[in-house]
């Protein structure tokens, strides 16, 4: 859970390795904030349609 700071154009080359690292972990959830960047969030949603959740200020999560 967090902002992964992949929004700047100069960090675009880190998006695919990050997505692949998450795939190797097979997480229950990947929760990203705005500073993850729209491109990275789109790729995470494509790869993890059930696990990827975006959040903003005031979002509440309840985990069992």
Protein backbone atom coordinates (compact mmCIF):
# COMPACT_ATOMS: atom_id res chain seq x y z
CA UNK A 1 0.00 0.00 0.00
CA UNK A 2 1.39 3.35 -0.95
CA UNK A 3 2.42 5.71 -3.66
CA UNK A 4 5.16 4.06 -5.66
CA UNK A 5 6.43 7.32 -7.20
CA UNK A 6 6.43 6.08 -10.79
CA UNK A 7 4.60 9.09 -12.25
CA UNK A 8 7.60 11.04 -13.64
CA UNK A 9 8.38 10.25 -17.28
CA UNK A 10 12.00 9.49 -16.43
CA UNK A 11 10.84 6.62 -14.20
CA UNK A 12 8.66 4.93 -16.83
CA UNK A 13 11.32 2.25 -17.31
CA UNK A 14 10.67 1.08 -13.72
CA UNK A 15 6.98 0.33 -14.25
CA UNK A 16 7.27 -3.07 -15.96
CA UNK A 17 9.87 -4.43 -13.49
CA UNK A 18 7.68 -3.25 -10.62
CA UNK A 19 4.63 -5.01 -12.09
CA UNK A 20 6.68 -8.17 -12.62
CA UNK A 21 7.97 -8.05 -9.03
CA UNK A 22 4.41 -7.80 -7.78
CA UNK A 23 3.48 -10.78 -9.97
CA UNK A 24 6.19 -12.86 -8.33
CA UNK A 25 4.79 -11.95 -4.90
CA UNK A 26 1.16 -12.73 -5.86
CA UNK A 27 -0.28 -10.25 -3.33
CA UNK A 28 -3.87 -10.23 -2.13
CA UNK A 29 -4.01 -6.47 -2.65
CA UNK A 30 -1.96 -3.76 -4.35
CA UNK A 31 -3.22 -0.41 -3.13
CA UNK A 32 -1.77 2.64 -4.85
CA UNK A 33 -1.97 6.38 -4.37
CA UNK A 34 -1.85 9.12 -6.99
CA UNK A 35 1.94 9.45 -7.04
CA UNK A 36 2.17 5.94 -8.42
CA UNK A 37 1.16 7.58 -11.71
CA UNK A 38 -1.66 6.92 -14.14
CA UNK A 39 0.41 4.73 -16.49
CA UNK A 40 1.64 2.49 -13.67
CA UNK A 41 -1.86 2.29 -12.18
CA UNK A 42 -3.29 1.30 -15.57
CA UNK A 43 -0.69 -1.45 -15.97
CA UNK A 44 -1.32 -2.71 -12.43
CA UNK A 45 -5.07 -2.77 -13.07
CA UNK A 46 -4.53 -4.68 -16.32
CA UNK A 47 -2.28 -7.29 -14.67
CA UNK A 48 -4.16 -7.45 -11.34
CA UNK A 49 -7.82 -6.57 -12.05
CA UNK A 50 -9.04 -7.98 -8.73
CA UNK A 51 -6.08 -7.04 -6.50
CA UNK A 52 -5.29 -3.48 -7.61
CA UNK A 53 -7.15 -0.76 -5.74
CA UNK A 54 -6.50 2.97 -5.99
CA UNK A 55 -7.07 5.30 -3.07
CA UNK A 56 -7.23 8.96 -2.26
CA UNK A 57 -7.34 11.12 0.82
CA UNK A 58 -9.96 9.90 3.27
CA UNK A 59 -10.28 6.40 1.83
CA UNK A 60 -10.92 3.81 4.51
CA UNK A 61 -9.99 0.16 4.24
CA UNK A 62 -11.25 -2.64 6.44
CA UNK A 63 -9.46 -5.95 6.24
CA UNK A 64 -10.72 -9.16 7.79
